[in-house]
């Protein structure tokens, strides 16, 4: 009986400490931290609006990756507003977009597909081809507005440090030669 009670107490303490550590480590931020998985660095900015989004947009999103890794910048907006995300300026020299990379591909956010005006996510994908710093600026605006009426609703700065991949100095050889 005592053994079972101790086990339950230890389990409860372990669960409580795990939950507390998760809450404390995540912090309070208006955007998701960059995360890397399987050679892909994902930087995601939700489709927020208002003063909290403006304040969060002042923070540069930063990440670190290796040559050969993929970068996906996912930027949220709301459908039906006429606003669209675009990369302001050229793709950095150490990054490369190909026809397989999404360049502003827009998809509804899960759970909002049946809602008119629901949240969407625009994805910009590219691959790191050389080491160095990659700085990008993305803007949310109505692309058809002209004659000085074009307003930028949001601006997101992304800075990625690309490091040399391990064993990048090893050359591939043809085993049949």
C-alpha atoms as a PDB file:
ATOM      1  CA  UNK A   1       0.000   0.000   0.000  1.00  0.00           C
ATOM      2  CA  UNK A   2       2.745   2.442   0.988  1.00  0.00           C
ATOM      3  CA  UNK A   3       4.716   1.462  -2.104  1.00  0.00           C
ATOM      4  CA  UNK A   4       1.745   2.344  -4.388  1.00  0.00           C
ATOM      5  CA  UNK A   5       1.215   5.696  -2.635  1.00  0.00           C
ATOM      6  CA  UNK A   6       4.902   6.615  -3.077  1.00  0.00           C
ATOM      7  CA  UNK A   7       4.769   5.639  -6.738  1.00  0.00           C
ATOM      8  CA  UNK A   8       1.660   7.812  -7.311  1.00  0.00           C
ATOM      9  CA  UNK A   9       3.279  10.767  -5.525  1.00  0.00           C
ATOM     10  CA  UNK A  10       6.479  10.437  -7.531  1.00  0.00           C
ATOM     11  CA  UNK A  11       4.522  10.170 -10.783  1.00  0.00           C
ATOM     12  CA  UNK A  12       2.451  13.243  -9.919  1.00  0.00           C
ATOM     13  CA  UNK A  13       5.600  15.205  -9.003  1.00  0.00           C
ATOM     14  CA  UNK A  14       7.297  14.176 -12.253  1.00  0.00           C
ATOM     15  CA  UNK A  15       4.294  15.211 -14.350  1.00  0.00           C
ATOM     16  CA  UNK A  16       3.979  18.534 -12.483  1.00  0.00           C
ATOM     17  CA  UNK A  17       7.667  19.344 -12.880  1.00  0.00           C
ATOM     18  CA  UNK A  18       7.560  18.469 -16.602  1.00  0.00           C
ATOM     19  CA  UNK A  19       4.551  20.723 -17.162  1.00  0.00           C
ATOM     20  CA  UNK A  20       6.161  23.558 -15.188  1.00  0.00           C
ATOM     21  CA  UNK A  21       9.454  23.233 -17.093  1.00  0.00           C
ATOM     22  CA  UNK A  22       7.596  23.287 -20.424  1.00  0.00           C
ATOM     23  CA  UNK A  23       5.629  26.405 -19.477  1.00  0.00           C
ATOM     24  CA  UNK A  24       8.691  28.239 -18.170  1.00  0.00           C
ATOM     25  CA  UNK A  25      10.899  27.323 -21.124  1.00  0.00           C
ATOM     26  CA  UNK A  26       8.330  28.360 -23.722  1.00  0.00           C
ATOM     27  CA  UNK A  27       8.067  31.878 -22.339  1.00  0.00           C
ATOM     28  CA  UNK A  28       5.438  34.372 -23.395  1.00  0.00           C
ATOM     29  CA  UNK A  29       5.925  35.326 -26.998  1.00  0.00           C
ATOM     30  CA  UNK A  30       3.622  36.317 -29.781  1.00  0.00           C
ATOM     31  CA  UNK A  31       5.403  34.103 -32.287  1.00  0.00           C
ATOM     32  CA  UNK A  32       6.570  30.529 -32.442  1.00  0.00           C
ATOM     33  CA  UNK A  33      10.300  30.004 -31.932  1.00  0.00           C
ATOM     34  CA  UNK A  34      12.219  28.606 -34.880  1.00  0.00           C
ATOM     35  CA  UNK A  35      12.497  24.857 -34.843  1.00  0.00           C
ATOM     36  CA  UNK A  36      14.639  22.474 -36.821  1.00  0.00           C
ATOM     37  CA  UNK A  37      13.856  18.911 -37.759  1.00  0.00           C
ATOM     38  CA  UNK A  38      15.512  16.614 -40.246  1.00  0.00           C
ATOM     39  CA  UNK A  39      17.487  19.286 -42.088  1.00  0.00           C
ATOM     40  CA  UNK A  40      14.608  21.786 -42.238  1.00  0.00           C
ATOM     41  CA  UNK A  41      14.566  25.033 -40.262  1.00  0.00           C
ATOM     42  CA  UNK A  42      11.018  26.347 -39.847  1.00  0.00           C
ATOM     43  CA  UNK A  43      10.323  29.939 -38.854  1.00  0.00           C
ATOM     44  CA  UNK A  44       6.615  30.526 -38.327  1.00  0.00           C
ATOM     45  CA  UNK A  45       4.754  33.783 -37.710  1.00  0.00           C
ATOM     46  CA  UNK A  46       1.033  33.434 -36.871  1.00  0.00           C
ATOM     47  CA  UNK A  47      -1.760  35.386 -38.515  1.00  0.00           C
ATOM     48  CA  UNK A  48      -2.093  37.860 -35.645  1.00  0.00           C
ATOM     49  CA  UNK A  49      -3.128  41.463 -35.922  1.00  0.00           C
ATOM     50  CA  UNK A  50      -3.266  44.458 -33.650  1.00  0.00           C
ATOM     51  CA  UNK A  51      -0.723  45.926 -31.233  1.00  0.00           C
ATOM     52  CA  UNK A  52       0.646  42.537 -30.094  1.00  0.00           C
ATOM     53  CA  UNK A  53       1.486  41.533 -33.675  1.00  0.00           C
ATOM     54  CA  UNK A  54       3.107  44.899 -34.396  1.00  0.00           C
ATOM     55  CA  UNK A  55       5.235  44.570 -31.264  1.00  0.00           C
ATOM     56  CA  UNK A  56       6.187  40.978 -32.090  1.00  0.00           C
ATOM     57  CA  UNK A  57       7.115  41.973 -35.653  1.00  0.00           C
ATOM     58  CA  UNK A  58       9.785  44.304 -34.248  1.00  0.00           C
ATOM     59  CA  UNK A  59      11.712  41.219 -33.124  1.00  0.00           C
ATOM     60  CA  UNK A  60      13.944  39.670 -35.771  1.00  0.00           C
ATOM     61  CA  UNK A  61      13.314  35.958 -36.232  1.00  0.00           C
ATOM     62  CA  UNK A  62      16.658  34.194 -36.057  1.00  0.00           C
ATOM     63  CA  UNK A  63      17.811  30.695 -36.831  1.00  0.00           C
ATOM     64  CA  UNK A  64      20.845  28.575 -37.529  1.00  0.00           C
ATOM     65  CA  UNK A  65      21.269  25.911 -40.178  1.00  0.00           C
ATOM     66  CA  UNK A  66      23.883  24.017 -42.185  1.00  0.00           C
ATOM     67  CA  UNK A  67      24.722  24.097 -45.883  1.00  0.00           C
ATOM     68  CA  UNK A  68      22.263  21.769 -47.617  1.00  0.00           C
ATOM     69  CA  UNK A  69      19.461  22.340 -45.065  1.00  0.00           C
ATOM     70  CA  UNK A  70      16.111  23.763 -46.118  1.00  0.00           C
ATOM     71  CA  UNK A  71      14.518  26.888 -44.707  1.00  0.00           C
ATOM     72  CA  UNK A  72      10.761  27.354 -44.581  1.00  0.00           C
ATOM     73  CA  UNK A  73       9.425  30.749 -43.544  1.00  0.00           C
ATOM     74  CA  UNK A  74       5.698  30.413 -42.820  1.00  0.00           C
ATOM     75  CA  UNK A  75       3.803  33.679 -42.519  1.00  0.00           C
ATOM     76  CA  UNK A  76       0.200  33.955 -41.383  1.00  0.00           C
ATOM     77  CA  UNK A  77      -2.519  36.263 -42.714  1.00  0.00           C
ATOM     78  CA  UNK A  78      -6.296  36.251 -43.108  1.00  0.00           C
ATOM     79  CA  UNK A  79      -8.035  35.216 -46.325  1.00  0.00           C
ATOM     80  CA  UNK A  80     -10.247  37.710 -48.092  1.00  0.00           C
ATOM     81  CA  UNK A  81      -8.420  40.827 -46.881  1.00  0.00           C
ATOM     82  CA  UNK A  82      -6.460  41.286 -50.108  1.00  0.00           C
ATOM     83  CA  UNK A  83      -3.156  41.286 -48.247  1.00  0.00           C
ATOM     84  CA  UNK A  84      -0.379  38.950 -49.394  1.00  0.00           C
ATOM     85  CA  UNK A  85       3.122  38.222 -48.119  1.00  0.00           C
ATOM     86  CA  UNK A  86       6.115  38.787 -50.384  1.00  0.00           C
ATOM     87  CA  UNK A  87       9.882  38.745 -50.072  1.00  0.00           C
ATOM     88  CA  UNK A  88      11.078  42.356 -50.210  1.00  0.00           C
ATOM     89  CA  UNK A  89      14.341  42.198 -52.102  1.00  0.00           C
ATOM     90  CA  UNK A  90      16.352  39.417 -53.661  1.00  0.00           C
ATOM     91  CA  UNK A  91      16.967  35.953 -52.230  1.00  0.00           C
ATOM     92  CA  UNK A  92      20.276  36.092 -50.278  1.00  0.00           C
ATOM     93  CA  UNK A  93      23.314  34.857 -52.216  1.00  0.00           C
ATOM     94  CA  UNK A  94      23.871  31.850 -49.954  1.00  0.00           C
ATOM     95  CA  UNK A  95      20.256  30.671 -50.318  1.00  0.00           C
ATOM     96  CA  UNK A  96      18.581  29.239 -53.406  1.00  0.00           C
ATOM     97  CA  UNK A  97      14.956  28.865 -54.438  1.00  0.00           C
ATOM     98  CA  UNK A  98      14.105  26.210 -57.008  1.00  0.00           C
ATOM     99  CA  UNK A  99      10.922  25.319 -58.839  1.00  0.00           C
ATOM    100  CA  UNK A 100      10.292  22.719 -56.117  1.00  0.00           C
ATOM    101  CA  UNK A 101      10.424  25.358 -53.368  1.00  0.00           C
ATOM    102  CA  UNK A 102       7.195  27.069 -52.388  1.00  0.00           C
ATOM    103  CA  UNK A 103       7.398  30.788 -53.112  1.00  0.00           C
ATOM    104  CA  UNK A 104       4.515  32.228 -51.168  1.00  0.00           C
ATOM    105  CA  UNK A 105       2.336  29.109 -51.440  1.00  0.00           C
ATOM    106  CA  UNK A 106      -0.865  29.903 -49.508  1.00  0.00           C
ATOM    107  CA  UNK A 107      -2.777  27.242 -47.597  1.00  0.00           C
ATOM    108  CA  UNK A 108      -5.517  27.494 -44.970  1.00  0.00           C
ATOM    109  CA  UNK A 109      -4.488  26.911 -41.370  1.00  0.00           C
ATOM    110  CA  UNK A 110      -5.815  23.624 -40.009  1.00  0.00           C
ATOM    111  CA  UNK A 111      -9.274  24.047 -38.531  1.00  0.00           C
ATOM    112  CA  UNK A 112     -10.113  27.181 -40.554  1.00  0.00           C
ATOM    113  CA  UNK A 113     -10.845  25.627 -43.955  1.00  0.00           C
ATOM    114  CA  UNK A 114     -14.623  26.006 -43.642  1.00  0.00           C
ATOM    115  CA  UNK A 115     -14.520  29.551 -42.306  1.00  0.00           C
ATOM    116  CA  UNK A 116     -14.599  32.401 -44.836  1.00  0.00           C
ATOM    117  CA  UNK A 117     -11.789  34.819 -44.031  1.00  0.00           C
ATOM    118  CA  UNK A 118     -10.003  32.214 -41.914  1.00  0.00           C
ATOM    119  CA  UNK A 119      -6.302  32.204 -41.192  1.00  0.00           C
ATOM    120  CA  UNK A 120      -3.896  31.220 -43.958  1.00  0.00           C
ATOM    121  CA  UNK A 121      -0.190  30.435 -44.007  1.00  0.00           C
ATOM    122  CA  UNK A 122       2.125  31.567 -46.839  1.00  0.00           C
ATOM    123  CA  UNK A 123       5.256  29.433 -47.124  1.00  0.00           C
ATOM    124  CA  UNK A 124       8.551  30.583 -48.627  1.00  0.00           C
ATOM    125  CA  UNK A 125      11.057  27.762 -49.008  1.00  0.00           C
ATOM    126  CA  UNK A 126      14.726  27.802 -49.956  1.00  0.00           C
ATOM    127  CA  UNK A 127      17.903  25.777 -49.521  1.00  0.00           C
ATOM    128  CA  UNK A 128      21.201  26.918 -47.988  1.00  0.00           C
ATOM    129  CA  UNK A 129      23.911  26.540 -50.664  1.00  0.00           C
ATOM    130  CA  UNK A 130      26.817  28.314 -48.948  1.00  0.00           C
ATOM    131  CA  UNK A 131      27.821  29.387 -45.453  1.00  0.00           C
ATOM    132  CA  UNK A 132      27.264  32.924 -44.222  1.00  0.00           C
ATOM    133  CA  UNK A 133      24.472  35.169 -43.001  1.00  0.00           C
ATOM    134  CA  UNK A 134      21.150  35.326 -44.827  1.00  0.00           C
ATOM    135  CA  UNK A 135      18.978  38.351 -44.086  1.00  0.00           C
ATOM    136  CA  UNK A 136      15.469  38.602 -45.495  1.00  0.00           C
ATOM    137  CA  UNK A 137      12.560  40.965 -45.078  1.00  0.00           C
ATOM    138  CA  UNK A 138       9.000  39.883 -45.777  1.00  0.00           C
ATOM    139  CA  UNK A 139       6.149  42.367 -46.126  1.00  0.00           C
ATOM    140  CA  UNK A 140       2.388  41.954 -45.927  1.00  0.00           C
ATOM    141  CA  UNK A 141       0.588  44.331 -48.278  1.00  0.00           C
ATOM    142  CA  UNK A 142      -2.008  44.597 -51.036  1.00  0.00           C
ATOM    143  CA  UNK A 143       0.104  44.073 -54.150  1.00  0.00           C
ATOM    144  CA  UNK A 144      -2.272  45.805 -56.588  1.00  0.00           C
ATOM    145  CA  UNK A 145      -2.334  49.151 -54.779  1.00  0.00           C
ATOM    146  CA  UNK A 146      -0.272  51.750 -56.633  1.00  0.00           C
ATOM    147  CA  UNK A 147       0.210  55.510 -56.857  1.00  0.00           C
ATOM    148  CA  UNK A 148       1.644  55.816 -53.370  1.00  0.00           C
ATOM    149  CA  UNK A 149      -1.388  54.179 -51.774  1.00  0.00           C
ATOM    150  CA  UNK A 150       0.434  50.915 -51.093  1.00  0.00           C
ATOM    151  CA  UNK A 151       0.670  50.373 -47.348  1.00  0.00           C
ATOM    152  CA  UNK A 152       2.742  47.727 -45.650  1.00  0.00           C
ATOM    153  CA  UNK A 153       0.578  46.144 -42.952  1.00  0.00           C
ATOM    154  CA  UNK A 154       3.322  44.031 -41.391  1.00  0.00           C
ATOM    155  CA  UNK A 155       7.060  43.531 -41.810  1.00  0.00           C
ATOM    156  CA  UNK A 156       8.956  40.460 -40.633  1.00  0.00           C
ATOM    157  CA  UNK A 157      12.753  40.321 -40.577  1.00  0.00           C
ATOM    158  CA  UNK A 158      14.474  36.927 -40.750  1.00  0.00           C
ATOM    159  CA  UNK A 159      18.178  36.349 -40.127  1.00  0.00           C
ATOM    160  CA  UNK A 160      19.696  32.914 -40.585  1.00  0.00           C
ATOM    161  CA  UNK A 161      23.284  31.888 -39.971  1.00  0.00           C
ATOM    162  CA  UNK A 162      24.358  29.118 -42.345  1.00  0.00           C
ATOM    163  CA  UNK A 163      27.280  27.034 -41.136  1.00  0.00           C
ATOM    164  CA  UNK A 164      29.416  24.577 -43.036  1.00  0.00           C
ATOM    165  CA  UNK A 165      27.924  21.109 -43.027  1.00  0.00           C
ATOM    166  CA  UNK A 166      29.928  18.427 -41.226  1.00  0.00           C
ATOM    167  CA  UNK A 167      32.210  16.540 -43.611  1.00  0.00           C
ATOM    168  CA  UNK A 168      31.555  19.107 -46.340  1.00  0.00           C
ATOM    169  CA  UNK A 169      35.188  18.835 -47.388  1.00  0.00           C
ATOM    170  CA  UNK A 170      34.723  15.138 -48.204  1.00  0.00           C
ATOM    171  CA  UNK A 171      34.250  14.684 -51.932  1.00  0.00           C
ATOM    172  CA  UNK A 172      31.883  12.092 -53.312  1.00  0.00           C
ATOM    173  CA  UNK A 173      33.695   9.424 -55.296  1.00  0.00           C
ATOM    174  CA  UNK A 174      32.468   7.039 -57.944  1.00  0.00           C
ATOM    175  CA  UNK A 175      32.961   3.505 -56.580  1.00  0.00           C
ATOM    176  CA  UNK A 176      32.990   2.076 -60.117  1.00  0.00           C
ATOM    177  CA  UNK A 177      36.120   3.921 -61.300  1.00  0.00           C
END
